Amino acid sequence: MDDNKILDLYFARSEQAIMETEQKYGSYCFHIASHILSNPSDAEESVNDTYYTAWKLIPPRKPQQFSTFLGKLTRNLSIDRWRKNTAGKRGNGETQLLLDELEECVAGSESPETDLLRKELTAALNRFLRKLPEKDRTVFLLRYYYANSQMEITQKTGLSSNQVKYILQRTRKDLANTLKKEGLQ
């Protein structure tokens, strides 16, 4: 079913919207969640939370890119679940590793009044990504958006492990420099 028809079902408050969303995007959302969460049942819970959150947000929202909207919801909910699950054991697992890798160029803040800074940071990150060569952007997104391991990235892109590692290191360094120049770091 086409995304606009699925969104129409949400706006009509038809429960069929959830079933259509699951049918079309269930494996996509599960893929994202399972790369962040090591437990398949946690990943499934996160995907179910995605459907519930989409139900609450649509309407009034009407996402421009439904797949991106769902992917972002899944990613954020999975990271929240991962943080909750690992609150007492920081430093373990792939998700912590990728967050640590990005921490060197994107500093977080714990205060709620940083919403404006977060929006500026998001805009700067989007500008940065648009300027990257397609191969570098793909590697970066596979790692830091979809939480793929370096091995999975080599399999998906056909690049060597060393190439992937180099692209990630160089891109993080370039991102840090870009954010410094824009006064966001």
C-alpha atoms as a PDB file:
ATOM      1  CA  MET A   1       0.000   0.000   0.000  1.00  0.00           C
ATOM      2  CA  ASP A   2       1.210   3.495  -0.806  1.00  0.00           C
ATOM      3  CA  ASP A   3       2.405   5.701   2.090  1.00  0.00           C
ATOM      4  CA  ASN A   4      -0.252   8.362   1.498  1.00  0.00           C
ATOM      5  CA  LYS A   5      -2.995   5.738   1.799  1.00  0.00           C
ATOM      6  CA  ILE A   6      -1.462   4.440   5.022  1.00  0.00           C
ATOM      7  CA  LEU A   7      -1.318   7.990   6.389  1.00  0.00           C
ATOM      8  CA  ASP A   8      -4.964   8.479   5.371  1.00  0.00           C
ATOM      9  CA  LEU A   9      -5.798   5.433   7.516  1.00  0.00           C
ATOM     10  CA  TYR A  10      -4.011   7.048  10.478  1.00  0.00           C
ATOM     11  CA  PHE A  11      -5.975  10.253   9.962  1.00  0.00           C
ATOM     12  CA  ALA A  12      -9.207   8.212   9.775  1.00  0.00           C
ATOM     13  CA  ARG A  13      -8.073   6.541  13.057  1.00  0.00           C
ATOM     14  CA  SER A  14      -8.399   3.127  11.434  1.00  0.00           C
ATOM     15  CA  GLU A  15      -6.497   0.331  13.180  1.00  0.00           C
ATOM     16  CA  GLN A  16      -5.771  -0.982   9.688  1.00  0.00           C
ATOM     17  CA  ALA A  17      -3.051   1.722   9.594  1.00  0.00           C
ATOM     18  CA  ILE A  18      -0.963  -0.226  12.114  1.00  0.00           C
ATOM     19  CA  MET A  19      -1.343  -3.479  10.169  1.00  0.00           C
ATOM     20  CA  GLU A  20      -0.376  -1.792   6.891  1.00  0.00           C
ATOM     21  CA  THR A  21       2.586  -0.090   8.568  1.00  0.00           C
ATOM     22  CA  GLU A  22       3.749  -3.396   9.998  1.00  0.00           C
ATOM     23  CA  GLN A  23       3.363  -5.162   6.671  1.00  0.00           C
ATOM     24  CA  LYS A  24       5.278  -2.525   4.707  1.00  0.00           C
ATOM     25  CA  TYR A  25       7.863  -1.356   7.262  1.00  0.00           C
ATOM     26  CA  GLY A  26       8.028  -4.055   9.933  1.00  0.00           C
ATOM     27  CA  SER A  27      11.282  -5.650   8.734  1.00  0.00           C
ATOM     28  CA  TYR A  28      12.850  -2.203   8.123  1.00  0.00           C
ATOM     29  CA  CYS A  29      12.063  -1.098  11.684  1.00  0.00           C
ATOM     30  CA  PHE A  30      13.136  -4.442  13.155  1.00  0.00           C
ATOM     31  CA  HIS A  31      16.440  -4.188  11.272  1.00  0.00           C
ATOM     32  CA  ILE A  32      17.132  -0.798  12.863  1.00  0.00           C
ATOM     33  CA  ALA A  33      16.073  -1.911  16.345  1.00  0.00           C
ATOM     34  CA  SER A  34      18.004  -5.176  16.254  1.00  0.00           C
ATOM     35  CA  HIS A  35      21.245  -3.375  15.381  1.00  0.00           C
ATOM     36  CA  ILE A  36      20.879  -1.217  18.461  1.00  0.00           C
ATOM     37  CA  LEU A  37      19.457  -3.811  20.827  1.00  0.00           C
ATOM     38  CA  SER A  38      21.135  -7.193  21.130  1.00  0.00           C
ATOM     39  CA  ASN A  39      17.980  -8.957  22.280  1.00  0.00           C
ATOM     40  CA  PRO A  40      15.404  -9.816  19.557  1.00  0.00           C
ATOM     41  CA  SER A  41      12.497  -9.518  22.002  1.00  0.00           C
ATOM     42  CA  ASP A  42      13.688  -6.027  22.996  1.00  0.00           C
ATOM     43  CA  ALA A  43      13.914  -5.134  19.311  1.00  0.00           C
ATOM     44  CA  GLU A  44      10.369  -6.404  18.777  1.00  0.00           C
ATOM     45  CA  GLU A  45       9.152  -4.340  21.750  1.00  0.00           C
ATOM     46  CA  SER A  46      10.865  -1.289  20.304  1.00  0.00           C
ATOM     47  CA  VAL A  47       9.149  -1.824  16.941  1.00  0.00           C
ATOM     48  CA  ASN A  48       5.783  -2.172  18.693  1.00  0.00           C
ATOM     49  CA  ASP A  49       6.543   1.056  20.570  1.00  0.00           C
ATOM     50  CA  THR A  50       7.237   2.647  17.187  1.00  0.00           C
ATOM     51  CA  TYR A  51       3.759   1.731  15.936  1.00  0.00           C
ATOM     52  CA  TYR A  52       2.172   3.024  19.142  1.00  0.00           C
ATOM     53  CA  THR A  53       4.118   6.290  18.972  1.00  0.00           C
ATOM     54  CA  ALA A  54       3.249   6.757  15.295  1.00  0.00           C
ATOM     55  CA  TRP A  55      -0.422   6.213  16.233  1.00  0.00           C
ATOM     56  CA  LYS A  56      -0.169   8.939  18.889  1.00  0.00           C
ATOM     57  CA  LEU A  57       1.666  11.422  16.635  1.00  0.00           C
ATOM     58  CA  ILE A  58      -0.401  10.980  13.444  1.00  0.00           C
ATOM     59  CA  PRO A  59      -2.547  13.101  13.391  1.00  0.00           C
ATOM     60  CA  PRO A  60      -1.809  15.986  13.815  1.00  0.00           C
ATOM     61  CA  ARG A  61       1.561  15.304  12.175  1.00  0.00           C
ATOM     62  CA  LYS A  62       1.724  14.207   8.571  1.00  0.00           C
ATOM     63  CA  PRO A  63       5.272  13.046   7.890  1.00  0.00           C
ATOM     64  CA  GLN A  64       6.796  14.016   4.541  1.00  0.00           C
ATOM     65  CA  GLN A  65       8.810  10.792   4.360  1.00  0.00           C
ATOM     66  CA  PHE A  66       6.922   8.090   6.235  1.00  0.00           C
ATOM     67  CA  SER A  67       9.799   5.589   6.105  1.00  0.00           C
ATOM     68  CA  THR A  68      12.250   8.137   7.525  1.00  0.00           C
ATOM     69  CA  PHE A  69       9.738   9.109  10.211  1.00  0.00           C
ATOM     70  CA  LEU A  70       9.338   5.462  11.272  1.00  0.00           C
ATOM     71  CA  GLY A  71      13.092   4.827  11.093  1.00  0.00           C
ATOM     72  CA  LYS A  72      13.814   7.795  13.315  1.00  0.00           C
ATOM     73  CA  LEU A  73      11.134   6.772  15.821  1.00  0.00           C
ATOM     74  CA  THR A  74      12.489   3.229  15.925  1.00  0.00           C
ATOM     75  CA  ARG A  75      16.065   4.400  16.299  1.00  0.00           C
ATOM     76  CA  ASN A  76      15.282   6.832  19.116  1.00  0.00           C
ATOM     77  CA  LEU A  77      13.040   4.395  20.978  1.00  0.00           C
ATOM     78  CA  SER A  78      15.654   1.635  20.617  1.00  0.00           C
ATOM     79  CA  ILE A  79      18.430   3.868  21.924  1.00  0.00           C
ATOM     80  CA  ASP A  80      16.227   4.849  24.875  1.00  0.00           C
ATOM     81  CA  ARG A  81      15.500   1.177  25.591  1.00  0.00           C
ATOM     82  CA  TRP A  82      19.202   0.325  25.239  1.00  0.00           C
ATOM     83  CA  ARG A  83      20.141   3.101  27.696  1.00  0.00           C
ATOM     84  CA  LYS A  84      17.555   1.833  30.160  1.00  0.00           C
ATOM     85  CA  ASN A  85      18.759  -1.756  29.796  1.00  0.00           C
ATOM     86  CA  THR A  86      22.439  -0.865  30.213  1.00  0.00           C
ATOM     87  CA  ALA A  87      22.183   1.885  32.812  1.00  0.00           C
ATOM     88  CA  GLY A  88      24.337  -0.080  35.237  1.00  0.00           C
ATOM     89  CA  LYS A  89      26.825  -1.459  32.740  1.00  0.00           C
ATOM     90  CA  ARG A  90      28.077   1.363  30.529  1.00  0.00           C
ATOM     91  CA  GLY A  91      30.872   0.591  28.108  1.00  0.00           C
ATOM     92  CA  ASN A  92      29.611  -2.776  26.883  1.00  0.00           C
ATOM     93  CA  GLY A  93      28.408  -3.604  23.408  1.00  0.00           C
ATOM     94  CA  GLU A  94      28.387  -2.179  19.928  1.00  0.00           C
ATOM     95  CA  THR A  95      25.876   0.619  20.575  1.00  0.00           C
ATOM     96  CA  GLN A  96      28.032   2.158  23.279  1.00  0.00           C
ATOM     97  CA  LEU A  97      31.023   1.889  20.943  1.00  0.00           C
ATOM     98  CA  LEU A  98      29.332   3.810  18.157  1.00  0.00           C
ATOM     99  CA  LEU A  99      28.041   6.455  20.576  1.00  0.00           C
ATOM    100  CA  ASP A 100      31.567   6.820  21.987  1.00  0.00           C
ATOM    101  CA  GLU A 101      32.976   7.199  18.474  1.00  0.00           C
ATOM    102  CA  LEU A 102      30.603  10.061  17.717  1.00  0.00           C
ATOM    103  CA  GLU A 103      31.019  11.677  21.133  1.00  0.00           C
ATOM    104  CA  GLU A 104      34.414  13.059  20.156  1.00  0.00           C
ATOM    105  CA  CYS A 105      32.823  15.329  17.554  1.00  0.00           C
ATOM    106  CA  VAL A 106      29.261  15.801  18.827  1.00  0.00           C
ATOM    107  CA  ALA A 107      29.067  16.717  22.476  1.00  0.00           C
ATOM    108  CA  GLY A 108      25.744  16.107  24.171  1.00  0.00           C
ATOM    109  CA  SER A 109      24.075  18.165  26.832  1.00  0.00           C
ATOM    110  CA  GLU A 110      21.749  17.083  29.569  1.00  0.00           C
ATOM    111  CA  SER A 111      19.762  20.287  30.016  1.00  0.00           C
ATOM    112  CA  PRO A 112      16.328  20.578  28.382  1.00  0.00           C
ATOM    113  CA  GLU A 113      16.954  24.127  27.146  1.00  0.00           C
ATOM    114  CA  THR A 114      19.316  22.852  24.435  1.00  0.00           C
ATOM    115  CA  ASP A 115      16.514  22.317  21.922  1.00  0.00           C
ATOM    116  CA  LEU A 116      17.663  25.230  19.753  1.00  0.00           C
ATOM    117  CA  LEU A 117      21.255  24.001  19.810  1.00  0.00           C
ATOM    118  CA  ARG A 118      20.042  20.504  18.876  1.00  0.00           C
ATOM    119  CA  LYS A 119      18.167  21.937  15.876  1.00  0.00           C
ATOM    120  CA  GLU A 120      21.237  23.900  14.774  1.00  0.00           C
ATOM    121  CA  LEU A 121      23.370  20.792  15.209  1.00  0.00           C
ATOM    122  CA  THR A 122      20.907  18.724  13.169  1.00  0.00           C
ATOM    123  CA  ALA A 123      20.904  21.293  10.379  1.00  0.00           C
ATOM    124  CA  ALA A 124      24.721  21.422  10.392  1.00  0.00           C
ATOM    125  CA  LEU A 125      24.918  17.623  10.308  1.00  0.00           C
ATOM    126  CA  ASN A 126      22.500  17.480   7.367  1.00  0.00           C
ATOM    127  CA  ARG A 127      24.540  20.095   5.464  1.00  0.00           C
ATOM    128  CA  PHE A 128      27.706  18.128   6.222  1.00  0.00           C
ATOM    129  CA  LEU A 129      26.177  14.857   5.010  1.00  0.00           C
ATOM    130  CA  ARG A 130      24.913  16.443   1.784  1.00  0.00           C
ATOM    131  CA  LYS A 131      28.475  17.548   0.963  1.00  0.00           C
ATOM    132  CA  LEU A 132      30.000  14.099   1.482  1.00  0.00           C
ATOM    133  CA  PRO A 133      30.709  11.828  -1.470  1.00  0.00           C
ATOM    134  CA  GLU A 134      27.979   9.198  -1.747  1.00  0.00           C
ATOM    135  CA  LYS A 135      30.257   6.341  -0.646  1.00  0.00           C
ATOM    136  CA  ASP A 136      31.381   8.190   2.497  1.00  0.00           C
ATOM    137  CA  ARG A 137      27.829   9.262   3.328  1.00  0.00           C
ATOM    138  CA  THR A 138      26.595   5.677   2.921  1.00  0.00           C
ATOM    139  CA  VAL A 139      29.308   4.310   5.222  1.00  0.00           C
ATOM    140  CA  PHE A 140      28.639   7.033   7.814  1.00  0.00           C
ATOM    141  CA  LEU A 141      24.871   6.459   7.814  1.00  0.00           C
ATOM    142  CA  LEU A 142      25.200   2.683   7.920  1.00  0.00           C
ATOM    143  CA  ARG A 143      27.391   3.037  10.997  1.00  0.00           C
ATOM    144  CA  TYR A 144      25.812   5.894  12.921  1.00  0.00           C
ATOM    145  CA  TYR A 145      22.182   5.860  11.840  1.00  0.00           C
ATOM    146  CA  TYR A 146      21.542   2.176  11.213  1.00  0.00           C
ATOM    147  CA  ALA A 147      24.115   1.007  13.807  1.00  0.00           C
ATOM    148  CA  ASN A 148      25.732  -1.534  11.484  1.00  0.00           C
ATOM    149  CA  SER A 149      29.043  -3.058  12.557  1.00  0.00           C
ATOM    150  CA  GLN A 150      32.122  -2.397  10.455  1.00  0.00           C
ATOM    151  CA  MET A 151      31.940  -5.982   9.212  1.00  0.00           C
ATOM    152  CA  GLU A 152      28.345  -5.497   8.055  1.00  0.00           C
ATOM    153  CA  ILE A 153      29.326  -2.281   6.291  1.00  0.00           C
ATOM    154  CA  THR A 154      32.109  -4.087   4.404  1.00  0.00           C
ATOM    155  CA  GLN A 155      29.604  -6.739   3.316  1.00  0.00           C
ATOM    156  CA  LYS A 156      27.008  -4.174   2.192  1.00  0.00           C
ATOM    157  CA  THR A 157      29.402  -1.828   0.396  1.00  0.00           C
ATOM    158  CA  GLY A 158      32.080  -4.180  -0.902  1.00  0.00           C
ATOM    159  CA  LEU A 159      34.760  -2.020   0.718  1.00  0.00           C
ATOM    160  CA  SER A 160      37.608  -3.524   2.700  1.00  0.00           C
ATOM    161  CA  SER A 161      37.620  -3.347   6.483  1.00  0.00           C
ATOM    162  CA  ASN A 162      40.521  -0.882   6.364  1.00  0.00           C
ATOM    163  CA  GLN A 163      38.685   1.343   3.879  1.00  0.00           C
ATOM    164  CA  VAL A 164      35.601   1.433   6.101  1.00  0.00           C
ATOM    165  CA  LYS A 165      37.687   2.197   9.183  1.00  0.00           C
ATOM    166  CA  TYR A 166      39.554   4.978   7.333  1.00  0.00           C
ATOM    167  CA  ILE A 167      36.354   6.532   5.930  1.00  0.00           C
ATOM    168  CA  LEU A 168      34.762   6.561   9.395  1.00  0.00           C
ATOM    169  CA  GLN A 169      37.841   8.088  11.057  1.00  0.00           C
ATOM    170  CA  ARG A 170      38.239  10.745   8.351  1.00  0.00           C
ATOM    171  CA  THR A 171      34.522  11.578   8.315  1.00  0.00           C
ATOM    172  CA  ARG A 172      34.356  11.947  12.113  1.00  0.00           C
ATOM    173  CA  LYS A 173      37.402  14.232  12.006  1.00  0.00           C
ATOM    174  CA  ASP A 174      35.864  16.303   9.174  1.00  0.00           C
ATOM    175  CA  LEU A 175      32.570  16.508  11.065  1.00  0.00           C
ATOM    176  CA  ALA A 176      34.336  17.703  14.219  1.00  0.00           C
ATOM    177  CA  ASN A 177      36.188  20.377  12.209  1.00  0.00           C
ATOM    178  CA  THR A 178      32.965  21.479  10.495  1.00  0.00           C
ATOM    179  CA  LEU A 179      31.141  21.766  13.806  1.00  0.00           C
ATOM    180  CA  LYS A 180      34.033  23.748  15.301  1.00  0.00           C
ATOM    181  CA  LYS A 181      33.970  26.179  12.371  1.00  0.00           C
ATOM    182  CA  GLU A 182      30.219  26.649  12.830  1.00  0.00           C
ATOM    183  CA  GLY A 183      30.646  27.186  16.577  1.00  0.00           C
ATOM    184  CA  LEU A 184      28.667  24.088  17.509  1.00  0.00           C
ATOM    185  CA  GLN A 185      31.385  22.235  19.373  1.00  0.00           C
END
